[in-house]
Amino acid sequence: MKLQTLFTERRAVSPVIGVILMVAITVILAAVIGTFVLGLGDQVGDTAPNANWGAEFDANGGENGTVTFTHQGGDAVEASELSITASDSTVFEAMNAAEPSDARLAAGDTISREISDNFGGTTTANLVWEKGDRSSILRSITITVD
């Protein structure tokens, strides 16, 4: 092979490279279209907020008490997307979480819930984020009531 002809060749890009590029573009387009057709693109924005939460239980010196979760930093969270649940369904019997003063909870804001008078024992209280059909436990605390 002559070295001079190698550097003076005037042909375009190899047909093999062209085919590889066309296949890559087709695969990328198929993946993007497939995500939106299957509805996976709708869930991209529905992720749990990235926030730090403190948890505290105040027994109030009796059989009942209050579980309080404090936003300690990170993303602000819509109060309507939060709930406080427990592993034992009798803990918060027919009681709703106390409404926070703001519609969005930011650093320093709290959300709390009182314990039912007839509960005694140990359970786990969870701060749960729910939006649409997605949910996530943001913080948990184990509480014991005598």
N, C-alpha and C. Protein backbone atom coordinates (compact mmCIF):
# COMPACT_ATOMS: atom_id res chain seq x y z
N MET A 1 0.85 -1.17 0.00
CA MET A 1 0.00 0.00 0.00
C MET A 1 0.90 1.23 0.00
N LYS A 2 0.51 2.15 -0.85
CA LYS A 2 1.29 3.37 -0.97
C LYS A 2 0.83 4.38 0.08
N LEU A 3 1.75 4.92 0.78
CA LEU A 3 1.46 5.88 1.84
C LEU A 3 0.85 7.16 1.29
N GLN A 4 1.27 7.54 0.13
CA GLN A 4 0.76 8.79 -0.46
C GLN A 4 -0.73 8.66 -0.80
N THR A 5 -1.19 7.52 -1.29
CA THR A 5 -2.61 7.35 -1.62
C THR A 5 -3.47 7.30 -0.35
N LEU A 6 -2.94 6.86 0.77
CA LEU A 6 -3.69 6.82 2.02
C LEU A 6 -4.08 8.22 2.47
N PHE A 7 -3.20 9.18 2.32
CA PHE A 7 -3.47 10.54 2.78
C PHE A 7 -4.14 11.42 1.74
N THR A 8 -4.15 11.02 0.53
CA THR A 8 -4.77 11.83 -0.52
C THR A 8 -6.12 11.26 -0.97
N GLU A 9 -6.61 10.24 -0.31
CA GLU A 9 -7.91 9.64 -0.64
C GLU A 9 -9.00 10.69 -0.47
N ARG A 10 -9.93 10.80 -1.41
CA ARG A 10 -10.95 11.83 -1.37
C ARG A 10 -12.34 11.23 -1.18
N ARG A 11 -12.46 10.01 -0.74
CA ARG A 11 -13.78 9.42 -0.51
C ARG A 11 -14.38 9.94 0.78
N ALA A 12 -15.74 9.83 0.89
CA ALA A 12 -16.46 10.30 2.08
C ALA A 12 -16.30 9.28 3.21
N VAL A 13 -17.06 9.48 4.28
CA VAL A 13 -17.00 8.60 5.44
C VAL A 13 -17.39 7.20 5.03
N SER A 14 -16.79 6.25 5.66
CA SER A 14 -17.05 4.84 5.34
C SER A 14 -18.53 4.52 5.49
N PRO A 15 -19.11 3.69 4.62
CA PRO A 15 -20.52 3.31 4.74
C PRO A 15 -20.82 2.59 6.06
N VAL A 16 -19.85 1.90 6.64
CA VAL A 16 -20.05 1.20 7.91
C VAL A 16 -20.33 2.21 9.03
N ILE A 17 -19.59 3.30 9.05
CA ILE A 17 -19.81 4.34 10.06
C ILE A 17 -21.20 4.94 9.89
N GLY A 18 -21.61 5.16 8.66
CA GLY A 18 -22.94 5.70 8.39
C GLY A 18 -24.04 4.80 8.91
N VAL A 19 -23.89 3.49 8.70
CA VAL A 19 -24.89 2.53 9.19
C VAL A 19 -24.93 2.52 10.71
N ILE A 20 -23.78 2.57 11.35
CA ILE A 20 -23.73 2.58 12.82
C ILE A 20 -24.43 3.82 13.37
N LEU A 21 -24.21 4.98 12.75
CA LEU A 21 -24.88 6.20 13.20
C LEU A 21 -26.39 6.12 13.02
N MET A 22 -26.83 5.58 11.92
CA MET A 22 -28.28 5.45 11.68
C MET A 22 -28.93 4.51 12.70
N VAL A 23 -28.27 3.41 13.02
CA VAL A 23 -28.81 2.47 14.01
C VAL A 23 -28.86 3.13 15.39
N ALA A 24 -27.84 3.88 15.75
CA ALA A 24 -27.81 4.56 17.05
C ALA A 24 -28.95 5.57 17.15
N ILE A 25 -29.16 6.35 16.10
CA ILE A 25 -30.26 7.33 16.11
C ILE A 25 -31.61 6.63 16.23
N THR A 26 -31.77 5.52 15.52
CA THR A 26 -33.03 4.77 15.59
C THR A 26 -33.29 4.23 16.98
N VAL A 27 -32.27 3.70 17.64
CA VAL A 27 -32.42 3.15 18.98
C VAL A 27 -32.77 4.25 19.98
N ILE A 28 -32.13 5.38 19.87
CA ILE A 28 -32.41 6.49 20.79
C ILE A 28 -33.84 6.99 20.60
N LEU A 29 -34.26 7.17 19.35
CA LEU A 29 -35.64 7.60 19.09
C LEU A 29 -36.66 6.59 19.60
N ALA A 30 -36.39 5.30 19.41
CA ALA A 30 -37.32 4.27 19.90
C ALA A 30 -37.43 4.30 21.42
N ALA A 31 -36.31 4.53 22.11
CA ALA A 31 -36.34 4.58 23.58
C ALA A 31 -37.14 5.79 24.06
N VAL A 32 -36.94 6.94 23.47
CA VAL A 32 -37.66 8.15 23.88
C VAL A 32 -39.15 8.01 23.61
N ILE A 33 -39.50 7.55 22.44
CA ILE A 33 -40.93 7.38 22.11
C ILE A 33 -41.56 6.31 22.99
N GLY A 34 -40.84 5.23 23.25
CA GLY A 34 -41.36 4.16 24.11
C GLY A 34 -41.65 4.61 25.52
N THR A 35 -40.79 5.48 26.07
CA THR A 35 -41.03 5.97 27.44
C THR A 35 -42.32 6.75 27.54
N PHE A 36 -42.58 7.58 26.57
CA PHE A 36 -43.80 8.37 26.63
C PHE A 36 -45.04 7.56 26.27
N VAL A 37 -44.92 6.59 25.39
CA VAL A 37 -46.06 5.75 25.05
C VAL A 37 -46.47 4.90 26.24
N LEU A 38 -45.50 4.37 26.97
CA LEU A 38 -45.78 3.53 28.15
C LEU A 38 -46.13 4.36 29.38
N GLY A 39 -46.05 5.68 29.30
CA GLY A 39 -46.42 6.53 30.42
C GLY A 39 -45.33 6.71 31.45
N LEU A 40 -44.13 6.27 31.16
CA LEU A 40 -43.05 6.41 32.13
C LEU A 40 -42.60 7.86 32.26
N GLY A 41 -42.81 8.65 31.24
CA GLY A 41 -42.41 10.05 31.28
C GLY A 41 -43.25 10.87 32.23
N ASP A 42 -44.48 10.42 32.53
CA ASP A 42 -45.36 11.15 33.43
C ASP A 42 -44.88 11.11 34.87
N GLN A 43 -44.12 10.10 35.24
CA GLN A 43 -43.71 9.93 36.63
C GLN A 43 -42.40 10.62 36.96
N VAL A 44 -41.77 11.21 35.97
CA VAL A 44 -40.47 11.84 36.21
C VAL A 44 -40.57 12.96 37.23
N GLY A 45 -41.62 13.78 37.18
CA GLY A 45 -41.75 14.90 38.10
C GLY A 45 -42.37 14.53 39.43
N ASP A 46 -42.88 13.31 39.58
CA ASP A 46 -43.55 12.91 40.81
C ASP A 46 -42.62 12.12 41.72
N THR A 47 -41.54 12.73 42.12
CA THR A 47 -40.63 12.06 43.03
C THR A 47 -40.77 12.69 44.41
N ALA A 48 -40.47 11.92 45.42
CA ALA A 48 -40.57 12.40 46.79
C ALA A 48 -39.65 13.60 46.99
N PRO A 49 -40.09 14.58 47.78
CA PRO A 49 -39.24 15.75 48.01
C PRO A 49 -37.98 15.38 48.78
N ASN A 50 -36.92 16.07 48.48
CA ASN A 50 -35.65 15.84 49.15
C ASN A 50 -35.55 16.82 50.31
N ALA A 51 -36.01 16.39 51.48
CA ALA A 51 -36.02 17.25 52.65
C ALA A 51 -35.62 16.45 53.88
N ASN A 52 -35.05 17.13 54.86
CA ASN A 52 -34.68 16.50 56.14
C ASN A 52 -35.78 16.78 57.15
N TRP A 53 -36.15 15.75 57.91
CA TRP A 53 -37.22 15.88 58.89
C TRP A 53 -36.74 15.40 60.25
N GLY A 54 -37.06 16.16 61.28
CA GLY A 54 -36.84 15.74 62.65
C GLY A 54 -38.13 15.15 63.18
N ALA A 55 -38.04 14.22 64.11
CA ALA A 55 -39.23 13.59 64.69
C ALA A 55 -39.13 13.63 66.20
N GLU A 56 -40.27 13.89 66.83
CA GLU A 56 -40.29 14.01 68.29
C GLU A 56 -41.63 13.51 68.81
N PHE A 57 -41.58 12.82 69.95
CA PHE A 57 -42.81 12.38 70.62
C PHE A 57 -42.85 12.99 72.00
N ASP A 58 -43.95 13.68 72.31
CA ASP A 58 -44.15 14.28 73.63
C ASP A 58 -45.29 13.53 74.30
N ALA A 59 -44.99 12.78 75.36
CA ALA A 59 -46.00 11.95 76.03
C ALA A 59 -47.01 12.77 76.82
N ASN A 60 -46.77 14.01 77.06
CA ASN A 60 -47.68 14.88 77.81
C ASN A 60 -48.01 14.33 79.20
N GLY A 61 -47.18 13.47 79.74
CA GLY A 61 -47.33 12.96 81.09
C GLY A 61 -48.50 12.03 81.31
N GLY A 62 -49.15 11.57 80.27
CA GLY A 62 -50.31 10.68 80.46
C GLY A 62 -50.33 9.58 79.43
N GLU A 63 -51.55 9.07 79.16
CA GLU A 63 -51.68 7.98 78.22
C GLU A 63 -51.65 8.46 76.77
N ASN A 64 -51.93 9.72 76.55
CA ASN A 64 -51.89 10.23 75.18
C ASN A 64 -50.66 11.11 74.99
N GLY A 65 -50.42 11.53 73.78
CA GLY A 65 -49.27 12.37 73.50
C GLY A 65 -49.38 12.93 72.10
N THR A 66 -48.32 13.56 71.65
CA THR A 66 -48.30 14.18 70.33
C THR A 66 -47.03 13.80 69.60
N VAL A 67 -47.18 13.41 68.34
CA VAL A 67 -46.04 13.14 67.47
C VAL A 67 -45.87 14.37 66.59
N THR A 68 -44.66 14.92 66.55
CA THR A 68 -44.40 16.12 65.76
C THR A 68 -43.22 15.88 64.84
N PHE A 69 -43.41 16.24 63.57
CA PHE A 69 -42.33 16.17 62.57
C PHE A 69 -41.98 17.60 62.19
N THR A 70 -40.68 17.93 62.23
CA THR A 70 -40.21 19.27 61.93
C THR A 70 -39.36 19.27 60.67
N HIS A 71 -39.70 20.15 59.74
CA HIS A 71 -38.93 20.30 58.50
C HIS A 71 -37.62 20.98 58.85
N GLN A 72 -36.49 20.30 58.58
CA GLN A 72 -35.20 20.83 58.99
C GLN A 72 -34.36 21.36 57.83
N GLY A 73 -34.90 21.30 56.62
CA GLY A 73 -34.15 21.81 55.48
C GLY A 73 -34.42 20.98 54.23
N GLY A 74 -34.12 21.56 53.08
CA GLY A 74 -34.33 20.88 51.81
C GLY A 74 -35.54 21.45 51.09
N ASP A 75 -36.14 20.64 50.22
CA ASP A 75 -37.28 21.07 49.41
C ASP A 75 -38.48 21.43 50.28
N ALA A 76 -39.19 22.48 49.88
CA ALA A 76 -40.47 22.79 50.52
C ALA A 76 -41.48 21.75 50.07
N VAL A 77 -42.44 21.41 50.94
CA VAL A 77 -43.40 20.35 50.66
C VAL A 77 -44.81 20.88 50.85
N GLU A 78 -45.69 20.54 49.93
CA GLU A 78 -47.10 20.91 50.06
C GLU A 78 -47.69 20.18 51.26
N ALA A 79 -48.35 20.89 52.15
CA ALA A 79 -48.94 20.27 53.34
C ALA A 79 -50.01 19.26 52.97
N SER A 80 -50.71 19.49 51.87
CA SER A 80 -51.77 18.57 51.45
C SER A 80 -51.23 17.22 50.99
N GLU A 81 -49.93 17.13 50.72
CA GLU A 81 -49.32 15.88 50.28
C GLU A 81 -48.76 15.07 51.44
N LEU A 82 -48.86 15.58 52.66
CA LEU A 82 -48.30 14.89 53.83
C LEU A 82 -49.39 14.29 54.71
N SER A 83 -49.08 13.16 55.31
CA SER A 83 -49.96 12.57 56.31
C SER A 83 -49.09 11.85 57.34
N ILE A 84 -49.64 11.66 58.52
CA ILE A 84 -48.94 10.94 59.57
C ILE A 84 -49.73 9.67 59.84
N THR A 85 -49.07 8.54 59.69
CA THR A 85 -49.72 7.24 59.88
C THR A 85 -48.93 6.46 60.94
N ALA A 86 -49.49 5.33 61.34
CA ALA A 86 -48.81 4.48 62.32
C ALA A 86 -48.98 3.02 61.92
N SER A 87 -48.05 2.18 62.40
CA SER A 87 -48.12 0.76 62.10
C SER A 87 -49.31 0.10 62.82
N ASP A 88 -49.75 0.68 63.93
CA ASP A 88 -50.93 0.19 64.65
C ASP A 88 -52.09 1.15 64.34
N SER A 89 -53.14 0.65 63.71
CA SER A 89 -54.24 1.52 63.24
C SER A 89 -55.00 2.20 64.38
N THR A 90 -54.90 1.72 65.62
CA THR A 90 -55.64 2.34 66.72
C THR A 90 -54.95 3.56 67.30
N VAL A 91 -53.70 3.83 66.88
CA VAL A 91 -52.93 4.93 67.46
C VAL A 91 -53.57 6.27 67.18
N PHE A 92 -53.96 6.51 65.94
CA PHE A 92 -54.51 7.81 65.55
C PHE A 92 -55.97 7.67 65.18
N GLU A 93 -56.70 6.90 65.91
CA GLU A 93 -58.10 6.59 65.61
C GLU A 93 -58.92 7.86 65.37
N ALA A 94 -59.40 8.03 64.15
CA ALA A 94 -60.30 9.12 63.74
C ALA A 94 -59.76 10.50 64.09
N MET A 95 -58.46 10.66 64.05
CA MET A 95 -57.87 11.96 64.32
C MET A 95 -57.04 12.39 63.11
N ASN A 96 -57.16 13.62 62.72
CA ASN A 96 -56.40 14.14 61.58
C ASN A 96 -55.17 14.87 62.06
N ALA A 97 -54.23 15.00 61.15
CA ALA A 97 -53.02 15.76 61.48
C ALA A 97 -53.38 17.22 61.68
N ALA A 98 -52.69 17.84 62.60
CA ALA A 98 -52.92 19.27 62.84
C ALA A 98 -52.52 20.04 61.59
N GLU A 99 -53.36 20.96 61.16
CA GLU A 99 -53.08 21.73 59.96
C GLU A 99 -51.94 22.72 60.22
N PRO A 100 -50.92 22.69 59.41
CA PRO A 100 -49.86 23.68 59.58
C PRO A 100 -50.35 25.05 59.13
N SER A 101 -49.66 26.09 59.55
CA SER A 101 -50.11 27.45 59.23
C SER A 101 -49.91 27.79 57.76
N ASP A 102 -48.97 27.16 57.08
CA ASP A 102 -48.70 27.44 55.68
C ASP A 102 -49.13 26.28 54.80
N ALA A 103 -49.43 26.59 53.54
CA ALA A 103 -49.78 25.54 52.59
C ALA A 103 -48.54 24.75 52.19
N ARG A 104 -47.37 25.39 52.24
CA ARG A 104 -46.11 24.71 51.94
C ARG A 104 -45.25 24.71 53.20
N LEU A 105 -44.72 23.55 53.53
CA LEU A 105 -43.85 23.43 54.70
C LEU A 105 -42.41 23.64 54.26
N ALA A 106 -41.74 24.57 54.89
CA ALA A 106 -40.33 24.85 54.62
C ALA A 106 -39.57 24.67 55.93
N ALA A 107 -38.29 24.94 55.91
CA ALA A 107 -37.45 24.76 57.10
C ALA A 107 -38.04 25.48 58.31
N GLY A 108 -38.17 24.74 59.41
CA GLY A 108 -38.70 25.30 60.65
C GLY A 108 -40.18 25.02 60.87
N ASP A 109 -40.93 24.67 59.82
CA ASP A 109 -42.36 24.37 59.97
C ASP A 109 -42.55 22.96 60.53
N THR A 110 -43.70 22.76 61.21
CA THR A 110 -43.98 21.46 61.81
C THR A 110 -45.35 20.95 61.39
N ILE A 111 -45.52 19.64 61.53
CA ILE A 111 -46.81 18.99 61.36
C ILE A 111 -46.90 17.96 62.49
N SER A 112 -48.06 17.88 63.15
CA SER A 112 -48.16 16.99 64.32
C SER A 112 -49.50 16.27 64.33
N ARG A 113 -49.57 15.26 65.18
CA ARG A 113 -50.80 14.48 65.34
C ARG A 113 -50.86 13.92 66.75
N GLU A 114 -52.06 13.98 67.35
CA GLU A 114 -52.24 13.47 68.71
C GLU A 114 -52.55 11.98 68.67
N ILE A 115 -52.18 11.33 69.77
CA ILE A 115 -52.43 9.89 69.90
C ILE A 115 -53.78 9.68 70.56
N SER A 116 -54.47 8.66 70.11
CA SER A 116 -55.77 8.30 70.68
C SER A 116 -55.64 7.98 72.16
N ASP A 117 -56.65 8.34 72.95
CA ASP A 117 -56.62 8.10 74.41
C ASP A 117 -56.56 6.63 74.77
N ASN A 118 -57.09 5.76 73.92
CA ASN A 118 -57.16 4.34 74.28
C ASN A 118 -55.97 3.53 73.78
N PHE A 119 -54.93 4.19 73.30
CA PHE A 119 -53.75 3.45 72.82
C PHE A 119 -52.74 3.29 73.94
N GLY A 120 -52.18 2.10 74.02
CA GLY A 120 -51.09 1.82 74.94
C GLY A 120 -50.19 0.79 74.30
N GLY A 121 -48.91 1.04 74.26
CA GLY A 121 -47.99 0.10 73.63
C GLY A 121 -46.94 0.82 72.81
N THR A 122 -46.33 0.06 71.91
CA THR A 122 -45.27 0.59 71.06
C THR A 122 -45.69 0.49 69.60
N THR A 123 -45.42 1.54 68.85
CA THR A 123 -45.74 1.55 67.42
C THR A 123 -44.75 2.46 66.70
N THR A 124 -44.81 2.45 65.41
CA THR A 124 -43.98 3.33 64.59
C THR A 124 -44.87 4.35 63.90
N ALA A 125 -44.58 5.62 64.11
CA ALA A 125 -45.32 6.69 63.43
C ALA A 125 -44.50 7.11 62.21
N ASN A 126 -45.18 7.27 61.07
CA ASN A 126 -44.51 7.60 59.82
C ASN A 126 -45.04 8.91 59.25
N LEU A 127 -44.14 9.74 58.75
CA LEU A 127 -44.52 10.90 57.97
C LEU A 127 -44.51 10.45 56.52
N VAL A 128 -45.66 10.48 55.86
CA VAL A 128 -45.82 9.92 54.52
C VAL A 128 -46.11 11.03 53.52
N TRP A 129 -45.39 11.01 52.41
CA TRP A 129 -45.65 11.91 51.28
C TRP A 129 -46.45 11.14 50.24
N GLU A 130 -47.56 11.71 49.78
CA GLU A 130 -48.38 11.07 48.76
C GLU A 130 -48.75 12.09 47.69
N LYS A 131 -48.55 11.70 46.45
CA LYS A 131 -48.96 12.54 45.31
C LYS A 131 -49.41 11.61 44.21
N GLY A 132 -50.70 11.69 43.89
CA GLY A 132 -51.25 10.78 42.88
C GLY A 132 -51.18 9.36 43.40
N ASP A 133 -50.62 8.46 42.61
CA ASP A 133 -50.50 7.07 43.02
C ASP A 133 -49.11 6.74 43.57
N ARG A 134 -48.30 7.77 43.83
CA ARG A 134 -46.96 7.55 44.37
C ARG A 134 -46.91 7.98 45.83
N SER A 135 -46.16 7.26 46.63
CA SER A 135 -46.01 7.62 48.04
C SER A 135 -44.63 7.19 48.53
N SER A 136 -44.21 7.83 49.62
CA SER A 136 -42.92 7.53 50.19
C SER A 136 -42.92 7.92 51.66
N ILE A 137 -42.28 7.12 52.50
CA ILE A 137 -42.12 7.46 53.91
C ILE A 137 -40.91 8.37 54.04
N LEU A 138 -41.15 9.59 54.52
CA LEU A 138 -40.07 10.58 54.64
C LEU A 138 -39.31 10.44 55.94
N ARG A 139 -40.01 10.04 57.03
CA ARG A 139 -39.37 9.93 58.36
C ARG A 139 -40.22 9.02 59.23
N SER A 140 -39.59 8.26 60.08
CA SER A 140 -40.30 7.39 61.03
C SER A 140 -39.77 7.61 62.43
N ILE A 141 -40.62 7.33 63.41
CA ILE A 141 -40.21 7.40 64.81
C ILE A 141 -40.96 6.30 65.57
N THR A 142 -40.25 5.63 66.45
CA THR A 142 -40.89 4.61 67.30
C THR A 142 -41.36 5.28 68.57
N ILE A 143 -42.62 5.06 68.91
CA ILE A 143 -43.20 5.68 70.11
C ILE A 143 -43.74 4.60 71.04
N THR A 144 -43.64 4.87 72.32
CA THR A 144 -44.16 3.95 73.34
C THR A 144 -45.03 4.75 74.30
N VAL A 145 -46.25 4.25 74.50
CA VAL A 145 -47.19 4.87 75.45
C VAL A 145 -47.53 3.81 76.48
N ASP A 146 -47.41 4.18 77.75
CA ASP A 146 -47.71 3.22 78.85
C ASP A 146 -49.19 3.17 79.12
